[in-house]
Amino acid sequence: MLSTDPLQKRQQFAGLFLALGLLTEALCLIWSTPIAFVIFVALGGSFMFIGIAIYLYSLVSILPPPPAS
């Protein structure tokens, strides 16, 4: 279930990419062909990198709360 908070939305999106990357890498471990390694590195690694990058960007791009008056 997606949240309405922008930070949690970005973190859930990043988690989705990380889960896709882990799933891709787990499926590639079943195969024993040379193309499995290419998919493991290219597709699984790309999903993992995108997920980590989105997560780190979501932590850095948080706006500070407005000062209370």
Protein backbone atom coordinates (compact mmCIF):
# COMPACT_ATOMS: atom_id res chain seq x y z
CA MET A 1 0.00 0.00 0.00
CA LEU A 2 1.50 3.30 -1.05
CA SER A 3 1.78 6.02 1.53
CA THR A 4 0.88 9.67 1.08
CA ASP A 5 4.12 10.88 2.68
CA PRO A 6 6.62 11.78 -0.09
CA LEU A 7 9.58 10.28 1.79
CA GLN A 8 7.84 6.98 2.37
CA LYS A 9 6.64 6.92 -1.25
CA ARG A 10 10.19 7.27 -2.53
CA GLN A 11 11.47 4.66 -0.11
CA GLN A 12 8.76 2.22 -1.18
CA PHE A 13 9.66 2.87 -4.82
CA ALA A 14 13.32 2.22 -4.01
CA GLY A 15 12.37 -0.96 -2.17
CA LEU A 16 10.48 -2.14 -5.23
CA PHE A 17 13.60 -1.76 -7.38
CA LEU A 18 15.72 -3.52 -4.76
CA ALA A 19 13.25 -6.40 -4.61
CA LEU A 20 13.23 -6.67 -8.42
CA GLY A 21 17.02 -6.73 -8.43
CA LEU A 22 17.18 -9.45 -5.79
CA LEU A 23 14.54 -11.50 -7.57
CA THR A 24 16.38 -11.19 -10.88
CA GLU A 25 19.65 -12.25 -9.26
CA ALA A 26 18.00 -15.17 -7.48
CA LEU A 27 16.47 -16.41 -10.73
CA CYS A 28 19.83 -16.15 -12.49
CA LEU A 29 21.42 -18.40 -9.88
CA ILE A 30 19.15 -21.23 -11.05
CA TRP A 31 20.45 -21.08 -14.64
CA SER A 32 23.85 -22.46 -15.56
CA THR A 33 24.41 -20.70 -18.88
CA PRO A 34 26.81 -17.86 -19.70
CA ILE A 35 23.91 -15.51 -20.52
CA ALA A 36 22.67 -15.92 -16.94
CA PHE A 37 25.79 -14.16 -15.68
CA VAL A 38 25.25 -11.28 -18.10
CA ILE A 39 21.65 -10.91 -16.95
CA PHE A 40 22.77 -11.27 -13.32
CA VAL A 41 25.23 -8.39 -13.65
CA ALA A 42 23.45 -6.16 -16.14
CA LEU A 43 19.78 -6.37 -15.21
CA GLY A 44 20.01 -7.37 -11.54
CA GLY A 45 22.86 -4.96 -10.87
CA SER A 46 21.04 -2.13 -12.61
CA PHE A 47 17.89 -2.66 -10.54
CA MET A 48 19.97 -2.76 -7.36
CA PHE A 49 21.88 0.40 -8.31
CA ILE A 50 18.68 2.28 -9.19
CA GLY A 51 17.05 1.22 -5.92
CA ILE A 52 20.05 2.31 -3.85
CA ALA A 53 20.33 5.61 -5.74
CA ILE A 54 16.63 6.42 -5.25
CA TYR A 55 16.86 5.56 -1.55
CA LEU A 56 19.91 7.75 -0.98
CA TYR A 57 18.39 10.60 -2.99
CA SER A 58 15.21 10.38 -0.93
CA LEU A 59 17.25 10.79 2.25
CA VAL A 60 19.20 13.78 0.93
CA SER A 61 16.26 15.62 -0.63
CA ILE A 62 14.16 15.86 2.53
CA LEU A 63 13.04 19.44 3.13
CA PRO A 64 13.39 20.65 6.71
CA PRO A 65 10.10 21.35 8.49
CA PRO A 66 9.03 24.99 8.59
CA PRO A 67 9.94 26.80 11.81
CA ALA A 68 7.15 27.04 14.35
CA SER A 69 6.06 30.60 15.13
